[in-house]
C-alpha atoms as a PDB file:
ATOM      1  CA  MET A   1     -59.953  45.616 -32.148  1.00  0.00           C
ATOM      2  CA  LYS A   2     -60.135  47.855 -35.195  1.00  0.00           C
ATOM      3  CA  LYS A   3     -62.980  50.391 -35.467  1.00  0.00           C
ATOM      4  CA  PHE A   4     -64.068  51.576 -38.861  1.00  0.00           C
ATOM      5  CA  ASN A   5     -65.400  54.969 -39.825  1.00  0.00           C
ATOM      6  CA  THR A   6     -68.953  54.991 -41.043  1.00  0.00           C
ATOM      7  CA  THR A   7     -70.330  56.586 -44.188  1.00  0.00           C
ATOM      8  CA  ILE A   8     -73.826  56.953 -45.547  1.00  0.00           C
ATOM      9  CA  ASN A   9     -73.974  53.447 -46.935  1.00  0.00           C
ATOM     10  CA  GLY A  10     -72.212  51.821 -43.899  1.00  0.00           C
ATOM     11  CA  TYR A  11     -68.536  51.397 -43.291  1.00  0.00           C
ATOM     12  CA  ASP A  12     -65.906  53.032 -45.493  1.00  0.00           C
ATOM     13  CA  LYS A  13     -65.157  50.442 -48.196  1.00  0.00           C
ATOM     14  CA  LEU A  14     -61.570  51.571 -48.768  1.00  0.00           C
ATOM     15  CA  GLU A  15     -60.812  51.384 -45.094  1.00  0.00           C
ATOM     16  CA  VAL A  16     -62.427  47.915 -44.772  1.00  0.00           C
ATOM     17  CA  ASN A  17     -60.699  46.659 -47.948  1.00  0.00           C
ATOM     18  CA  SER A  18     -57.359  47.986 -46.661  1.00  0.00           C
ATOM     19  CA  PHE A  19     -57.931  46.253 -43.328  1.00  0.00           C
ATOM     20  CA  VAL A  20     -58.905  42.970 -44.999  1.00  0.00           C
ATOM     21  CA  SER A  21     -55.817  43.239 -47.221  1.00  0.00           C
ATOM     22  CA  ASN A  22     -53.598  43.831 -44.179  1.00  0.00           C
ATOM     23  CA  VAL A  23     -55.182  40.899 -42.322  1.00  0.00           C
ATOM     24  CA  THR A  24     -54.757  38.692 -45.401  1.00  0.00           C
ATOM     25  CA  ASN A  25     -51.089  39.712 -45.742  1.00  0.00           C
ATOM     26  CA  GLU A  26     -50.443  39.086 -42.059  1.00  0.00           C
ATOM     27  CA  TYR A  27     -52.272  35.748 -42.257  1.00  0.00           C
ATOM     28  CA  GLU A  28     -50.194  34.690 -45.284  1.00  0.00           C
ATOM     29  CA  ALA A  29     -46.989  35.835 -43.551  1.00  0.00           C
ATOM     30  CA  MET A  30     -47.906  33.848 -40.430  1.00  0.00           C
ATOM     31  CA  LEU A  31     -48.868  30.855 -42.569  1.00  0.00           C
ATOM     32  CA  ASN A  32     -45.506  31.027 -44.392  1.00  0.00           C
ATOM     33  CA  LYS A  33     -43.735  31.380 -41.056  1.00  0.00           C
ATOM     34  CA  LEU A  34     -45.650  28.356 -39.728  1.00  0.00           C
ATOM     35  CA  LYS A  35     -44.715  26.313 -42.823  1.00  0.00           C
ATOM     36  CA  SER A  36     -41.077  27.339 -42.356  1.00  0.00           C
ATOM     37  CA  LYS A  37     -41.217  26.320 -38.694  1.00  0.00           C
ATOM     38  CA  ASP A  38     -42.834  22.988 -39.682  1.00  0.00           C
ATOM     39  CA  LYS A  39     -39.954  22.356 -42.109  1.00  0.00           C
ATOM     40  CA  GLU A  40     -37.452  23.306 -39.420  1.00  0.00           C
ATOM     41  CA  VAL A  41     -39.171  20.952 -36.930  1.00  0.00           C
ATOM     42  CA  ALA A  42     -39.070  18.128 -39.483  1.00  0.00           C
ATOM     43  CA  LEU A  43     -35.376  18.811 -40.148  1.00  0.00           C
ATOM     44  CA  LEU A  44     -34.630  18.883 -36.437  1.00  0.00           C
ATOM     45  CA  LYS A  45     -36.543  15.599 -35.963  1.00  0.00           C
ATOM     46  CA  ASN A  46     -34.417  14.018 -38.707  1.00  0.00           C
ATOM     47  CA  GLU A  47     -31.243  15.328 -37.084  1.00  0.00           C
ATOM     48  CA  LEU A  48     -32.426  14.071 -33.691  1.00  0.00           C
ATOM     49  CA  GLU A  49     -33.014  10.622 -35.160  1.00  0.00           C
ATOM     50  CA  HIS A  50     -29.558  10.743 -36.759  1.00  0.00           C
ATOM     51  CA  TYR A  51     -27.972  11.630 -33.407  1.00  0.00           C
ATOM     52  CA  ARG A  52     -29.957   8.914 -31.643  1.00  0.00           C
ATOM     53  CA  ASN A  53     -28.609   6.409 -34.167  1.00  0.00           C
ATOM     54  CA  LEU A  54     -25.104   7.764 -33.553  1.00  0.00           C
ATOM     55  CA  GLU A  55     -25.652   7.428 -29.808  1.00  0.00           C
ATOM     56  CA  THR A  56     -26.728   3.810 -30.223  1.00  0.00           C
ATOM     57  CA  THR A  57     -23.686   3.100 -32.382  1.00  0.00           C
ATOM     58  CA  MET A  58     -21.395   4.810 -29.900  1.00  0.00           C
ATOM     59  CA  ASN A  59     -22.929   2.875 -26.992  1.00  0.00           C
ATOM     60  CA  LYS A  60     -22.273  -0.355 -28.868  1.00  0.00           C
ATOM     61  CA  ALA A  61     -18.700   0.781 -29.557  1.00  0.00           C
ATOM     62  CA  VAL A  62     -18.216   1.585 -25.869  1.00  0.00           C
ATOM     63  CA  LEU A  63     -19.471  -1.885 -24.931  1.00  0.00           C
ATOM     64  CA  VAL A  64     -17.098  -3.480 -27.426  1.00  0.00           C
ATOM     65  CA  ALA A  65     -14.235  -1.333 -26.095  1.00  0.00           C
ATOM     66  CA  GLU A  66     -15.066  -2.305 -22.499  1.00  0.00           C
ATOM     67  CA  ASP A  67     -15.161  -5.968 -23.466  1.00  0.00           C
ATOM     68  CA  SER A  68     -11.824  -5.639 -25.268  1.00  0.00           C
ATOM     69  CA  SER A  69     -10.399  -3.792 -22.280  1.00  0.00           C
ATOM     70  CA  ASN A  70     -11.520  -6.564 -19.939  1.00  0.00           C
ATOM     71  CA  GLN A  71      -9.965  -9.197 -22.192  1.00  0.00           C
ATOM     72  CA  ILE A  72      -6.696  -7.250 -22.381  1.00  0.00           C
ATOM     73  CA  LYS A  73      -6.673  -6.905 -18.585  1.00  0.00           C
ATOM     74  CA  LYS A  74      -7.271 -10.632 -18.192  1.00  0.00           C
ATOM     75  CA  ILE A  75      -4.442 -11.471 -20.604  1.00  0.00           C
ATOM     76  CA  ALA A  76      -2.145  -8.977 -18.898  1.00  0.00           C
ATOM     77  CA  LYS A  77      -2.884 -10.523 -15.473  1.00  0.00           C
ATOM     78  CA  GLU A  78      -2.167 -13.997 -16.823  1.00  0.00           C
ATOM     79  CA  GLU A  79       1.108 -12.808 -18.337  1.00  0.00           C
ATOM     80  CA  ALA A  80       2.028 -11.048 -15.096  1.00  0.00           C
ATOM     81  CA  ASN A  81       1.351 -14.222 -13.110  1.00  0.00           C
ATOM     82  CA  LEU A  82       3.474 -16.218 -15.528  1.00  0.00           C
ATOM     83  CA  ILE A  83       6.300 -13.688 -15.236  1.00  0.00           C
ATOM     84  CA  ILE A  84       6.071 -13.807 -11.438  1.00  0.00           C
ATOM     85  CA  GLU A  85       6.167 -17.598 -11.422  1.00  0.00           C
ATOM     86  CA  THR A  86       9.189 -17.608 -13.724  1.00  0.00           C
ATOM     87  CA  ALA A  87      10.885 -14.956 -11.599  1.00  0.00           C
ATOM     88  CA  LYS A  88      10.288 -16.990  -8.437  1.00  0.00           C
ATOM     89  CA  LYS A  89      11.765 -20.074 -10.092  1.00  0.00           C
ATOM     90  CA  ASN A  90      14.829 -18.144 -11.209  1.00  0.00           C
ATOM     91  CA  ALA A  91      15.213 -16.159  -7.994  1.00  0.00           C
ATOM     92  CA  SER A  92      16.712 -18.990  -5.941  1.00  0.00           C
ATOM     93  CA  GLN A  93      19.201 -19.782  -8.696  1.00  0.00           C
ATOM     94  CA  ILE A  94      20.195 -16.134  -8.939  1.00  0.00           C
ATOM     95  CA  VAL A  95      20.591 -15.895  -5.167  1.00  0.00           C
ATOM     96  CA  ASN A  96      22.734 -19.040  -5.076  1.00  0.00           C
ATOM     97  CA  ASP A  97      24.904 -17.769  -7.908  1.00  0.00           C
ATOM     98  CA  ALA A  98      25.287 -14.432  -6.159  1.00  0.00           C
ATOM     99  CA  LEU A  99      26.270 -16.102  -2.881  1.00  0.00           C
ATOM    100  CA  LEU A 100      28.872 -18.232  -4.639  1.00  0.00           C
ATOM    101  CA  LYS A 101      30.242 -15.206  -6.441  1.00  0.00           C
ATOM    102  CA  ALA A 102      30.348 -13.248  -3.158  1.00  0.00           C
ATOM    103  CA  GLU A 103      32.200 -16.107  -1.495  1.00  0.00           C
ATOM    104  CA  ARG A 104      34.737 -16.257  -4.337  1.00  0.00           C
ATOM    105  CA  THR A 105      35.165 -12.497  -4.191  1.00  0.00           C
ATOM    106  CA  GLU A 106      35.707 -12.632  -0.429  1.00  0.00           C
ATOM    107  CA  MET A 107      38.335 -15.326  -0.892  1.00  0.00           C
ATOM    108  CA  GLU A 108      40.054 -13.211  -3.550  1.00  0.00           C
ATOM    109  CA  VAL A 109      39.990 -10.201  -1.203  1.00  0.00           C
ATOM    110  CA  ASP A 110      41.561 -12.276   1.582  1.00  0.00           C
ATOM    111  CA  SER A 111      44.218 -13.543  -0.813  1.00  0.00           C
ATOM    112  CA  LEU A 112      44.942  -9.974  -1.977  1.00  0.00           C
ATOM    113  CA  ARG A 113      45.215  -8.795   1.643  1.00  0.00           C
ATOM    114  CA  ARG A 114      47.754 -11.545   2.400  1.00  0.00           C
ATOM    115  CA  SER A 115      49.672 -10.661  -0.738  1.00  0.00           C
ATOM    116  CA  ILE A 116      49.707  -6.974   0.253  1.00  0.00           C
ATOM    117  CA  LYS A 117      51.002  -7.881   3.751  1.00  0.00           C
ATOM    118  CA  ILE A 118      53.768 -10.013   2.255  1.00  0.00           C
ATOM    119  CA  TYR A 119      54.609  -7.302  -0.283  1.00  0.00           C
ATOM    120  CA  LYS A 120      54.694  -4.627   2.433  1.00  0.00           C
ATOM    121  CA  ALA A 121      56.949  -6.827   4.589  1.00  0.00           C
ATOM    122  CA  ARG A 122      59.318  -7.377   1.654  1.00  0.00           C
ATOM    123  CA  ILE A 123      59.420  -3.657   0.840  1.00  0.00           C
ATOM    124  CA  LYS A 124      60.030  -2.873   4.507  1.00  0.00           C
ATOM    125  CA  GLN A 125      62.860  -5.404   4.605  1.00  0.00           C
ATOM    126  CA  VAL A 126      64.406  -3.986   1.417  1.00  0.00           C
ATOM    127  CA  VAL A 127      64.125  -0.426   2.736  1.00  0.00           C
ATOM    128  CA  GLU A 128      65.677  -1.445   6.064  1.00  0.00           C
ATOM    129  CA  GLU A 129      68.537  -3.235   4.268  1.00  0.00           C
ATOM    130  CA  GLN A 130      69.155  -0.185   2.113  1.00  0.00           C
ATOM    131  CA  LEU A 131      69.037   2.086   5.172  1.00  0.00           C
ATOM    132  CA  THR A 132      71.597  -0.135   6.849  1.00  0.00           C
ATOM    133  CA  MET A 133      73.743   0.082   3.722  1.00  0.00           C
ATOM    134  CA  VAL A 134      73.410   3.867   3.673  1.00  0.00           C
ATOM    135  CA  ASN A 135      74.447   4.024   7.319  1.00  0.00           C
ATOM    136  CA  ASP A 136      77.365   1.712   6.600  1.00  0.00           C
ATOM    137  CA  VAL A 137      78.451   3.933   3.692  1.00  0.00           C
ATOM    138  CA  ASP A 138      78.551   6.950   6.000  1.00  0.00           C
ATOM    139  CA  ASN A 139      80.701   4.975   8.465  1.00  0.00           C
ATOM    140  CA  ILE A 140      83.064   3.853   5.752  1.00  0.00           C
ATOM    141  CA  GLU A 141      83.615   7.365   4.507  1.00  0.00           C
ATOM    142  CA  ILE A 142      84.313   8.666   7.985  1.00  0.00           C
ATOM    143  CA  ASP A 143      86.921   5.963   8.609  1.00  0.00           C
ATOM    144  CA  ARG A 144      88.749   6.792   5.390  1.00  0.00           C
ATOM    145  CA  ARG A 145      89.023  10.466   6.214  1.00  0.00           C
ATOM    146  CA  GLY A 146      90.331   9.688   9.610  1.00  0.00           C
ATOM    147  CA  ASN A 147      93.246   7.524   8.272  1.00  0.00           C
END
């Protein structure tokens, strides 16, 4: 609390007037500050309302996205089931075809093995005949030298 000096006629007028002026200035400054804060509060309230509206819109968008996601999942499951059913139908045909092809391949392998055996036997026979001829040539040459 401010104490004023006293004079003959009461308090010092200059000192009181200076104090009143300071109080008035401070009051006006606080009033201006309060008005500024009120404007800021109003602005923040408007922004808050804007963000609440955005939140509502985003929540609706999330719900729509979830619904779309559920529909896509449902369609994907149906397509997967259809693919599985088709695959099951085709699987037995594929297996049968593979078994037939394996059987044909096995028969071809057996045929090739027989052919290889025959070919080896023929080569062996030819080599043995040529070896006999080579041995006979050596015998012929020896007999000629001896005569």
